[in-house]
PDB file of N, CA and C in Angstrom:
ATOM      1  N   MET A   1     -53.829  46.191  61.908  1.00  0.00           N
ATOM      2  CA  MET A   1     -53.051  46.424  60.705  1.00  0.00           C
ATOM      3  C   MET A   1     -53.995  46.625  59.531  1.00  0.00           C
ATOM      4  N   SER A   2     -53.585  47.506  58.651  1.00  0.00           N
ATOM      5  CA  SER A   2     -54.442  47.785  57.505  1.00  0.00           C
ATOM      6  C   SER A   2     -54.236  46.723  56.422  1.00  0.00           C
ATOM      7  N   ASP A   3     -55.218  46.646  55.541  1.00  0.00           N
ATOM      8  CA  ASP A   3     -55.136  45.684  54.441  1.00  0.00           C
ATOM      9  C   ASP A   3     -53.976  46.010  53.506  1.00  0.00           C
ATOM     10  N   GLN A   4     -53.719  47.295  53.314  1.00  0.00           N
ATOM     11  CA  GLN A   4     -52.627  47.710  52.430  1.00  0.00           C
ATOM     12  C   GLN A   4     -51.271  47.260  52.994  1.00  0.00           C
ATOM     13  N   PHE A   5     -51.094  47.349  54.291  1.00  0.00           N
ATOM     14  CA  PHE A   5     -49.847  46.927  54.921  1.00  0.00           C
ATOM     15  C   PHE A   5     -49.651  45.421  54.769  1.00  0.00           C
ATOM     16  N   ILE A   6     -50.714  44.655  54.973  1.00  0.00           N
ATOM     17  CA  ILE A   6     -50.628  43.191  54.853  1.00  0.00           C
ATOM     18  C   ILE A   6     -50.300  42.793  53.418  1.00  0.00           C
ATOM     19  N   VAL A   7     -50.935  43.458  52.448  1.00  0.00           N
ATOM     20  CA  VAL A   7     -50.630  43.175  51.038  1.00  0.00           C
ATOM     21  C   VAL A   7     -49.167  43.513  50.744  1.00  0.00           C
ATOM     22  N   GLY A   8     -48.676  44.615  51.292  1.00  0.00           N
ATOM     23  CA  GLY A   8     -47.274  44.990  51.101  1.00  0.00           C
ATOM     24  C   GLY A   8     -46.320  43.948  51.660  1.00  0.00           C
ATOM     25  N   ILE A   9     -46.626  43.415  52.827  1.00  0.00           N
ATOM     26  CA  ILE A   9     -45.798  42.371  53.438  1.00  0.00           C
ATOM     27  C   ILE A   9     -45.822  41.105  52.590  1.00  0.00           C
ATOM     28  N   ILE A  10     -46.989  40.736  52.089  1.00  0.00           N
ATOM     29  CA  ILE A  10     -47.100  39.532  51.246  1.00  0.00           C
ATOM     30  C   ILE A  10     -46.285  39.695  49.974  1.00  0.00           C
ATOM     31  N   VAL A  11     -46.381  40.867  49.341  1.00  0.00           N
ATOM     32  CA  VAL A  11     -45.602  41.119  48.122  1.00  0.00           C
ATOM     33  C   VAL A  11     -44.110  41.064  48.425  1.00  0.00           C
ATOM     34  N   PHE A  12     -43.696  41.627  49.559  1.00  0.00           N
ATOM     35  CA  PHE A  12     -42.280  41.611  49.935  1.00  0.00           C
ATOM     36  C   PHE A  12     -41.776  40.189  50.135  1.00  0.00           C
ATOM     37  N   VAL A  13     -42.535  39.372  50.840  1.00  0.00           N
ATOM     38  CA  VAL A  13     -42.120  37.991  51.102  1.00  0.00           C
ATOM     39  C   VAL A  13     -42.048  37.195  49.795  1.00  0.00           C
ATOM     40  N   LEU A  14     -43.052  37.330  48.943  1.00  0.00           N
ATOM     41  CA  LEU A  14     -43.037  36.614  47.662  1.00  0.00           C
ATOM     42  C   LEU A  14     -41.886  37.076  46.776  1.00  0.00           C
ATOM     43  N   ALA A  15     -41.638  38.383  46.738  1.00  0.00           N
ATOM     44  CA  ALA A  15     -40.522  38.904  45.939  1.00  0.00           C
ATOM     45  C   ALA A  15     -39.186  38.395  46.470  1.00  0.00           C
ATOM     46  N   SER A  16     -39.075  38.261  47.789  1.00  0.00           N
ATOM     47  CA  SER A  16     -37.832  37.736  48.371  1.00  0.00           C
ATOM     48  C   SER A  16     -37.596  36.292  47.950  1.00  0.00           C
ATOM     49  N   PHE A  17     -38.631  35.465  48.019  1.00  0.00           N
ATOM     50  CA  PHE A  17     -38.489  34.066  47.611  1.00  0.00           C
ATOM     51  C   PHE A  17     -38.178  33.948  46.121  1.00  0.00           C
ATOM     52  N   ILE A  18     -38.877  34.698  45.289  1.00  0.00           N
ATOM     53  CA  ILE A  18     -38.641  34.638  43.839  1.00  0.00           C
ATOM     54  C   ILE A  18     -37.244  35.139  43.515  1.00  0.00           C
ATOM     55  N   GLY A  19     -36.832  36.234  44.142  1.00  0.00           N
ATOM     56  CA  GLY A  19     -35.487  36.760  43.905  1.00  0.00           C
ATOM     57  C   GLY A  19     -34.403  35.776  44.298  1.00  0.00           C
ATOM     58  N   PHE A  20     -34.579  35.118  45.436  1.00  0.00           N
ATOM     59  CA  PHE A  20     -33.601  34.124  45.884  1.00  0.00           C
ATOM     60  C   PHE A  20     -33.507  32.973  44.888  1.00  0.00           C
ATOM     61  N   GLU A  21     -34.645  32.489  44.414  1.00  0.00           N
ATOM     62  CA  GLU A  21     -34.649  31.370  43.458  1.00  0.00           C
ATOM     63  C   GLU A  21     -33.997  31.766  42.136  1.00  0.00           C
ATOM     64  N   ILE A  22     -34.233  32.981  41.685  1.00  0.00           N
ATOM     65  CA  ILE A  22     -33.624  33.433  40.422  1.00  0.00           C
ATOM     66  C   ILE A  22     -32.115  33.550  40.574  1.00  0.00           C
ATOM     67  N   ILE A  23     -31.662  34.171  41.645  1.00  0.00           N
ATOM     68  CA  ILE A  23     -30.230  34.355  41.864  1.00  0.00           C
ATOM     69  C   ILE A  23     -29.532  33.008  42.060  1.00  0.00           C
ATOM     70  N   ALA A  24     -30.183  32.070  42.718  1.00  0.00           N
ATOM     71  CA  ALA A  24     -29.577  30.759  42.966  1.00  0.00           C
ATOM     72  C   ALA A  24     -29.345  29.984  41.666  1.00  0.00           C
ATOM     73  N   LYS A  25     -30.112  30.282  40.639  1.00  0.00           N
ATOM     74  CA  LYS A  25     -29.988  29.558  39.372  1.00  0.00           C
ATOM     75  C   LYS A  25     -28.987  30.191  38.404  1.00  0.00           C
ATOM     76  N   VAL A  26     -28.433  31.347  38.733  1.00  0.00           N
ATOM     77  CA  VAL A  26     -27.474  32.023  37.859  1.00  0.00           C
ATOM     78  C   VAL A  26     -26.110  31.352  37.998  1.00  0.00           C
ATOM     79  N   PRO A  27     -25.475  30.967  36.870  1.00  0.00           N
ATOM     80  CA  PRO A  27     -24.138  30.372  36.954  1.00  0.00           C
ATOM     81  C   PRO A  27     -23.118  31.369  37.511  1.00  0.00           C
ATOM     82  N   ARG A  28     -22.094  30.864  38.137  1.00  0.00           N
ATOM     83  CA  ARG A  28     -21.077  31.732  38.752  1.00  0.00           C
ATOM     84  C   ARG A  28     -20.390  32.629  37.731  1.00  0.00           C
ATOM     85  N   THR A  29     -20.237  32.160  36.506  1.00  0.00           N
ATOM     86  CA  THR A  29     -19.551  32.975  35.498  1.00  0.00           C
ATOM     87  C   THR A  29     -20.365  34.197  35.085  1.00  0.00           C
ATOM     88  N   LEU A  30     -21.660  34.159  35.271  1.00  0.00           N
ATOM     89  CA  LEU A  30     -22.507  35.292  34.906  1.00  0.00           C
ATOM     90  C   LEU A  30     -22.858  36.186  36.085  1.00  0.00           C
ATOM     91  N   HIS A  31     -22.538  35.776  37.287  1.00  0.00           N
ATOM     92  CA  HIS A  31     -22.980  36.515  38.466  1.00  0.00           C
ATOM     93  C   HIS A  31     -22.414  37.927  38.506  1.00  0.00           C
ATOM     94  N   THR A  32     -21.107  38.096  38.296  1.00  0.00           N
ATOM     95  CA  THR A  32     -20.499  39.412  38.409  1.00  0.00           C
ATOM     96  C   THR A  32     -20.934  40.354  37.292  1.00  0.00           C
ATOM     97  N   PRO A  33     -20.987  39.916  36.020  1.00  0.00           N
ATOM     98  CA  PRO A  33     -21.509  40.846  35.000  1.00  0.00           C
ATOM     99  C   PRO A  33     -22.961  41.254  35.255  1.00  0.00           C
ATOM    100  N   LEU A  34     -23.761  40.354  35.762  1.00  0.00           N
ATOM    101  CA  LEU A  34     -25.141  40.711  36.085  1.00  0.00           C
ATOM    102  C   LEU A  34     -25.194  41.687  37.252  1.00  0.00           C
ATOM    103  N   MET A  35     -24.250  41.573  38.170  1.00  0.00           N
ATOM    104  CA  MET A  35     -24.201  42.502  39.292  1.00  0.00           C
ATOM    105  C   MET A  35     -23.903  43.918  38.805  1.00  0.00           C
ATOM    106  N   SER A  36     -23.076  44.027  37.766  1.00  0.00           N
ATOM    107  CA  SER A  36     -22.786  45.340  37.217  1.00  0.00           C
ATOM    108  C   SER A  36     -24.048  45.989  36.670  1.00  0.00           C
ATOM    109  N   GLY A  37     -24.858  45.204  35.993  1.00  0.00           N
ATOM    110  CA  GLY A  37     -26.114  45.740  35.483  1.00  0.00           C
ATOM    111  C   GLY A  37     -27.098  46.059  36.587  1.00  0.00           C
ATOM    112  N   ALA A  38     -27.039  45.308  37.658  1.00  0.00           N
ATOM    113  CA  ALA A  38     -27.951  45.539  38.781  1.00  0.00           C
ATOM    114  C   ALA A  38     -27.627  46.836  39.512  1.00  0.00           C
ATOM    115  N   ASN A  39     -26.414  47.350  39.360  1.00  0.00           N
ATOM    116  CA  ASN A  39     -26.070  48.619  40.005  1.00  0.00           C
ATOM    117  C   ASN A  39     -26.933  49.755  39.477  1.00  0.00           C
ATOM    118  N   ALA A  40     -27.250  49.730  38.186  1.00  0.00           N
ATOM    119  CA  ALA A  40     -28.121  50.766  37.631  1.00  0.00           C
ATOM    120  C   ALA A  40     -29.516  50.676  38.248  1.00  0.00           C
ATOM    121  N   ILE A  41     -29.991  49.460  38.445  1.00  0.00           N
ATOM    122  CA  ILE A  41     -31.304  49.283  39.065  1.00  0.00           C
ATOM    123  C   ILE A  41     -31.266  49.757  40.518  1.00  0.00           C
ATOM    124  N   SER A  42     -30.156  49.519  41.200  1.00  0.00           N
ATOM    125  CA  SER A  42     -30.048  49.978  42.586  1.00  0.00           C
ATOM    126  C   SER A  42     -30.019  51.506  42.655  1.00  0.00           C
ATOM    127  N   GLY A  43     -29.477  52.134  41.628  1.00  0.00           N
ATOM    128  CA  GLY A  43     -29.525  53.595  41.574  1.00  0.00           C
ATOM    129  C   GLY A  43     -30.954  54.090  41.507  1.00  0.00           C
ATOM    130  N   ILE A  44     -31.768  53.398  40.737  1.00  0.00           N
ATOM    131  CA  ILE A  44     -33.189  53.747  40.661  1.00  0.00           C
ATOM    132  C   ILE A  44     -33.856  53.473  42.004  1.00  0.00           C
ATOM    133  N   THR A  45     -33.436  52.414  42.676  1.00  0.00           N
ATOM    134  CA  THR A  45     -33.981  52.092  43.993  1.00  0.00           C
ATOM    135  C   THR A  45     -33.677  53.199  44.995  1.00  0.00           C
ATOM    136  N   ILE A  46     -32.484  53.769  44.908  1.00  0.00           N
ATOM    137  CA  ILE A  46     -32.115  54.865  45.810  1.00  0.00           C
ATOM    138  C   ILE A  46     -33.043  56.054  45.600  1.00  0.00           C
ATOM    139  N   VAL A  47     -33.271  56.409  44.339  1.00  0.00           N
ATOM    140  CA  VAL A  47     -34.162  57.538  44.048  1.00  0.00           C
ATOM    141  C   VAL A  47     -35.579  57.237  44.551  1.00  0.00           C
ATOM    142  N   GLY A  48     -36.053  56.011  44.321  1.00  0.00           N
ATOM    143  CA  GLY A  48     -37.381  55.634  44.803  1.00  0.00           C
ATOM    144  C   GLY A  48     -37.482  55.672  46.313  1.00  0.00           C
ATOM    145  N   ALA A  49     -36.437  55.220  47.002  1.00  0.00           N
ATOM    146  CA  ALA A  49     -36.448  55.235  48.466  1.00  0.00           C
ATOM    147  C   ALA A  49     -36.467  56.665  48.997  1.00  0.00           C
ATOM    148  N   ILE A  50     -35.730  57.548  48.345  1.00  0.00           N
ATOM    149  CA  ILE A  50     -35.731  58.954  48.768  1.00  0.00           C
ATOM    150  C   ILE A  50     -37.113  59.560  48.566  1.00  0.00           C
ATOM    151  N   LEU A  51     -37.714  59.287  47.405  1.00  0.00           N
ATOM    152  CA  LEU A  51     -39.052  59.829  47.141  1.00  0.00           C
ATOM    153  C   LEU A  51     -40.096  59.248  48.095  1.00  0.00           C
ATOM    154  N   ALA A  52     -40.012  57.950  48.366  1.00  0.00           N
ATOM    155  CA  ALA A  52     -40.982  57.319  49.266  1.00  0.00           C
ATOM    156  C   ALA A  52     -40.860  57.856  50.681  1.00  0.00           C
ATOM    157  N   SER A  53     -39.631  58.073  51.138  1.00  0.00           N
ATOM    158  CA  SER A  53     -39.474  58.595  52.495  1.00  0.00           C
ATOM    159  C   SER A  53     -39.894  60.063  52.572  1.00  0.00           C
ATOM    160  N   ALA A  54     -39.745  60.808  51.466  1.00  0.00           N
ATOM    161  CA  ALA A  54     -40.180  62.203  51.464  1.00  0.00           C
ATOM    162  C   ALA A  54     -41.706  62.302  51.457  1.00  0.00           C
ATOM    163  N   MET A  55     -42.376  61.357  50.798  1.00  0.00           N
ATOM    164  CA  MET A  55     -43.840  61.387  50.729  1.00  0.00           C
ATOM    165  C   MET A  55     -44.483  60.890  52.024  1.00  0.00           C
ATOM    166  N   GLY A  56     -43.774  60.043  52.742  1.00  0.00           N
ATOM    167  CA  GLY A  56     -44.326  59.494  53.973  1.00  0.00           C
ATOM    168  C   GLY A  56     -44.351  60.531  55.074  1.00  0.00           C
ATOM    169  N   SER A  57     -45.175  60.270  56.054  1.00  0.00           N
ATOM    170  CA  SER A  57     -45.235  61.186  57.192  1.00  0.00           C
ATOM    171  C   SER A  57     -44.962  60.395  58.462  1.00  0.00           C
ATOM    172  N   GLY A  58     -44.230  60.986  59.333  1.00  0.00           N
ATOM    173  CA  GLY A  58     -43.955  60.349  60.607  1.00  0.00           C
ATOM    174  C   GLY A  58     -42.543  59.814  60.699  1.00  0.00           C
ATOM    175  N   THR A  59     -42.200  59.433  61.888  1.00  0.00           N
ATOM    176  CA  THR A  59     -40.858  58.935  62.174  1.00  0.00           C
ATOM    177  C   THR A  59     -40.622  57.565  61.552  1.00  0.00           C
ATOM    178  N   PHE A  60     -41.638  56.714  61.562  1.00  0.00           N
ATOM    179  CA  PHE A  60     -41.487  55.364  61.022  1.00  0.00           C
ATOM    180  C   PHE A  60     -41.142  55.407  59.528  1.00  0.00           C
ATOM    181  N   ALA A  61     -41.797  56.285  58.768  1.00  0.00           N
ATOM    182  CA  ALA A  61     -41.516  56.430  57.337  1.00  0.00           C
ATOM    183  C   ALA A  61     -40.097  56.942  57.121  1.00  0.00           C
ATOM    184  N   ALA A  62     -39.656  57.851  57.956  1.00  0.00           N
ATOM    185  CA  ALA A  62     -38.302  58.388  57.831  1.00  0.00           C
ATOM    186  C   ALA A  62     -37.260  57.309  58.129  1.00  0.00           C
ATOM    187  N   ILE A  63     -37.506  56.492  59.122  1.00  0.00           N
ATOM    188  CA  ILE A  63     -36.564  55.424  59.476  1.00  0.00           C
ATOM    189  C   ILE A  63     -36.498  54.385  58.368  1.00  0.00           C
ATOM    190  N   LEU A  64     -37.669  53.965  57.853  1.00  0.00           N
ATOM    191  CA  LEU A  64     -37.679  52.993  56.756  1.00  0.00           C
ATOM    192  C   LEU A  64     -37.018  53.559  55.501  1.00  0.00           C
ATOM    193  N   GLY A  65     -37.263  54.833  55.211  1.00  0.00           N
ATOM    194  CA  GLY A  65     -36.621  55.467  54.062  1.00  0.00           C
ATOM    195  C   GLY A  65     -35.113  55.518  54.213  1.00  0.00           C
ATOM    196  N   PHE A  66     -34.655  55.865  55.401  1.00  0.00           N
ATOM    197  CA  PHE A  66     -33.214  55.906  55.664  1.00  0.00           C
ATOM    198  C   PHE A  66     -32.593  54.521  55.491  1.00  0.00           C
ATOM    199  N   LEU A  67     -33.252  53.496  56.039  1.00  0.00           N
ATOM    200  CA  LEU A  67     -32.736  52.131  55.892  1.00  0.00           C
ATOM    201  C   LEU A  67     -32.710  51.689  54.432  1.00  0.00           C
ATOM    202  N   ALA A  68     -33.751  52.044  53.694  1.00  0.00           N
ATOM    203  CA  ALA A  68     -33.803  51.677  52.275  1.00  0.00           C
ATOM    204  C   ALA A  68     -32.675  52.346  51.498  1.00  0.00           C
ATOM    205  N   VAL A  69     -32.432  53.611  51.762  1.00  0.00           N
ATOM    206  CA  VAL A  69     -31.352  54.322  51.071  1.00  0.00           C
ATOM    207  C   VAL A  69     -30.000  53.727  51.451  1.00  0.00           C
ATOM    208  N   MET A  70     -29.792  53.440  52.721  1.00  0.00           N
ATOM    209  CA  MET A  70     -28.501  52.886  53.155  1.00  0.00           C
ATOM    210  C   MET A  70     -28.250  51.504  52.543  1.00  0.00           C
ATOM    211  N   LEU A  71     -29.258  50.640  52.537  1.00  0.00           N
ATOM    212  CA  LEU A  71     -29.072  49.304  51.971  1.00  0.00           C
ATOM    213  C   LEU A  71     -28.839  49.366  50.462  1.00  0.00           C
ATOM    214  N   ALA A  72     -29.537  50.248  49.777  1.00  0.00           N
ATOM    215  CA  ALA A  72     -29.319  50.395  48.335  1.00  0.00           C
ATOM    216  C   ALA A  72     -27.925  50.953  48.054  1.00  0.00           C
ATOM    217  N   MET A  73     -27.452  51.874  48.872  1.00  0.00           N
ATOM    218  CA  MET A  73     -26.103  52.426  48.681  1.00  0.00           C
ATOM    219  C   MET A  73     -25.043  51.365  48.928  1.00  0.00           C
ATOM    220  N   ILE A  74     -25.240  50.528  49.932  1.00  0.00           N
ATOM    221  CA  ILE A  74     -24.298  49.440  50.187  1.00  0.00           C
ATOM    222  C   ILE A  74     -24.258  48.500  48.988  1.00  0.00           C
ATOM    223  N   ASN A  75     -25.412  48.230  48.413  1.00  0.00           N
ATOM    224  CA  ASN A  75     -25.484  47.365  47.243  1.00  0.00           C
ATOM    225  C   ASN A  75     -24.750  47.984  46.051  1.00  0.00           C
ATOM    226  N   VAL A  76     -24.938  49.259  45.820  1.00  0.00           N
ATOM    227  CA  VAL A  76     -24.284  49.930  44.691  1.00  0.00           C
ATOM    228  C   VAL A  76     -22.773  49.945  44.876  1.00  0.00           C
ATOM    229  N   VAL A  77     -22.320  50.371  46.031  1.00  0.00           N
ATOM    230  CA  VAL A  77     -20.871  50.463  46.275  1.00  0.00           C
ATOM    231  C   VAL A  77     -20.230  49.080  46.227  1.00  0.00           C
ATOM    232  N   GLY A  78     -20.850  48.096  46.861  1.00  0.00           N
ATOM    233  CA  GLY A  78     -20.313  46.736  46.822  1.00  0.00           C
ATOM    234  C   GLY A  78     -20.272  46.179  45.416  1.00  0.00           C
ATOM    235  N   GLY A  79     -21.306  46.455  44.640  1.00  0.00           N
ATOM    236  CA  GLY A  79     -21.330  45.989  43.252  1.00  0.00           C
ATOM    237  C   GLY A  79     -20.221  46.602  42.424  1.00  0.00           C
ATOM    238  N   PHE A  80     -19.996  47.898  42.599  1.00  0.00           N
ATOM    239  CA  PHE A  80     -18.918  48.537  41.851  1.00  0.00           C
ATOM    240  C   PHE A  80     -17.542  48.034  42.297  1.00  0.00           C
ATOM    241  N   LEU A  81     -17.369  47.763  43.578  1.00  0.00           N
ATOM    242  CA  LEU A  81     -16.090  47.232  44.043  1.00  0.00           C
ATOM    243  C   LEU A  81     -15.819  45.843  43.468  1.00  0.00           C
ATOM    244  N   VAL A  82     -16.843  45.001  43.438  1.00  0.00           N
ATOM    245  CA  VAL A  82     -16.678  43.659  42.870  1.00  0.00           C
ATOM    246  C   VAL A  82     -16.407  43.745  41.375  1.00  0.00           C
ATOM    247  N   THR A  83     -17.103  44.634  40.684  1.00  0.00           N
ATOM    248  CA  THR A  83     -16.894  44.802  39.247  1.00  0.00           C
ATOM    249  C   THR A  83     -15.483  45.301  38.966  1.00  0.00           C
ATOM    250  N   ASP A  84     -15.019  46.260  39.761  1.00  0.00           N
ATOM    251  CA  ASP A  84     -13.661  46.772  39.575  1.00  0.00           C
ATOM    252  C   ASP A  84     -12.632  45.675  39.810  1.00  0.00           C
ATOM    253  N   ARG A  85     -12.873  44.870  40.815  1.00  0.00           N
ATOM    254  CA  ARG A  85     -11.959  43.760  41.099  1.00  0.00           C
ATOM    255  C   ARG A  85     -11.943  42.750  39.959  1.00  0.00           C
ATOM    256  N   MET A  86     -13.109  42.501  39.385  1.00  0.00           N
ATOM    257  CA  MET A  86     -13.187  41.573  38.262  1.00  0.00           C
ATOM    258  C   MET A  86     -12.457  42.131  37.036  1.00  0.00           C
ATOM    259  N   LEU A  87     -12.612  43.418  36.785  1.00  0.00           N
ATOM    260  CA  LEU A  87     -11.947  44.019  35.632  1.00  0.00           C
ATOM    261  C   LEU A  87     -10.431  44.039  35.799  1.00  0.00           C
ATOM    262  N   GLU A  88      -9.966  44.121  37.039  1.00  0.00           N
ATOM    263  CA  GLU A  88      -8.522  44.067  37.293  1.00  0.00           C
ATOM    264  C   GLU A  88      -7.936  42.729  36.840  1.00  0.00           C
ATOM    265  N   MET A  89      -8.737  41.663  36.882  1.00  0.00           N
ATOM    266  CA  MET A  89      -8.254  40.343  36.489  1.00  0.00           C
ATOM    267  C   MET A  89      -7.971  40.265  34.995  1.00  0.00           C
ATOM    268  N   PHE A  90      -8.595  41.143  34.208  1.00  0.00           N
ATOM    269  CA  PHE A  90      -8.424  41.084  32.769  1.00  0.00           C
ATOM    270  C   PHE A  90      -7.329  42.002  32.243  1.00  0.00           C
ATOM    271  N   LYS A  91      -6.706  42.772  33.113  1.00  0.00           N
ATOM    272  CA  LYS A  91      -5.616  43.646  32.675  1.00  0.00           C
ATOM    273  C   LYS A  91      -4.378  42.815  32.392  1.00  0.00           C
ATOM    274  N   LYS A  92      -3.657  43.221  31.365  1.00  0.00           N
ATOM    275  CA  LYS A  92      -2.427  42.523  31.016  1.00  0.00           C
ATOM    276  C   LYS A  92      -1.322  42.915  31.984  1.00  0.00           C
ATOM    277  N   ILE A  93      -0.543  41.915  32.361  1.00  0.00           N
ATOM    278  CA  ILE A  93       0.595  42.162  33.233  1.00  0.00           C
ATOM    279  C   ILE A  93       1.776  42.509  32.334  1.00  0.00           C
ATOM    280  N   PRO A  94       2.397  43.672  32.549  1.00  0.00           N
ATOM    281  CA  PRO A  94       3.537  44.032  31.688  1.00  0.00           C
ATOM    282  C   PRO A  94       4.709  43.073  31.927  1.00  0.00           C
ATOM    283  N   ARG A  95       5.261  42.603  30.833  1.00  0.00           N
ATOM    284  CA  ARG A  95       6.395  41.677  30.933  1.00  0.00           C
ATOM    285  C   ARG A  95       7.685  42.473  31.060  1.00  0.00           C
ATOM    286  N   LYS A  96       8.606  41.905  31.800  1.00  0.00           N
ATOM    287  CA  LYS A  96       9.908  42.538  31.944  1.00  0.00           C
ATOM    288  C   LYS A  96      10.696  42.335  30.661  1.00  0.00           C
ATOM    289  N   SER A  97      11.418  43.358  30.270  1.00  0.00           N
ATOM    290  CA  SER A  97      12.249  43.225  29.073  1.00  0.00           C
ATOM    291  C   SER A  97      13.467  42.371  29.402  1.00  0.00           C
ATOM    292  N   GLU A  98      14.168  41.902  28.372  1.00  0.00           N
ATOM    293  CA  GLU A  98      15.324  41.037  28.582  1.00  0.00           C
ATOM    294  C   GLU A  98      16.411  41.729  29.363  1.00  0.00           C
ATOM    295  N   SER A  99      16.574  43.050  29.155  1.00  0.00           N
ATOM    296  CA  SER A  99      17.629  43.769  29.875  1.00  0.00           C
ATOM    297  C   SER A  99      17.307  43.860  31.367  1.00  0.00           C
ATOM    298  N   GLU A 100      16.032  43.944  31.748  1.00  0.00           N
ATOM    299  CA  GLU A 100      15.667  43.997  33.163  1.00  0.00           C
ATOM    300  C   GLU A 100      15.776  42.626  33.807  1.00  0.00           C
ATOM    301  N   GLU A 101      15.547  41.545  33.049  1.00  0.00           N
ATOM    302  CA  GLU A 101      15.615  40.204  33.613  1.00  0.00           C
ATOM    303  C   GLU A 101      17.042  39.802  33.940  1.00  0.00           C
ATOM    304  N   GLY A 102      18.009  40.279  33.172  1.00  0.00           N
ATOM    305  CA  GLY A 102      19.396  39.891  33.375  1.00  0.00           C
ATOM    306  C   GLY A 102      20.041  40.572  34.557  1.00  0.00           C
ATOM    307  N   ARG A 103      19.465  41.556  35.104  1.00  0.00           N
ATOM    308  CA  ARG A 103      20.085  42.290  36.214  1.00  0.00           C
ATOM    309  C   ARG A 103      19.996  41.586  37.503  1.00  0.00           C
TER     310      ARG A 103
END
């Protein structure tokens, strides 16, 4: 294994631990609004994954690029679905008028 690959693995593992610790400390009331903002970052991740897989050569680079794009897309779509669901909670429920209640 090359030194660059080992450094990449170390950075990935450290970023995973740091990311988990940061997310674990976020209060539940802030989690969904922060997820909405993270969707923009995931959009950038998709573009980066496409560029990285295009620059790479070989089947392994193509497979990793495809996986990166798919996981980022799942994150974006899931984030938007959760955000939409949260926004639905804030919509006002129309009240029935008195004439409709008496029927």
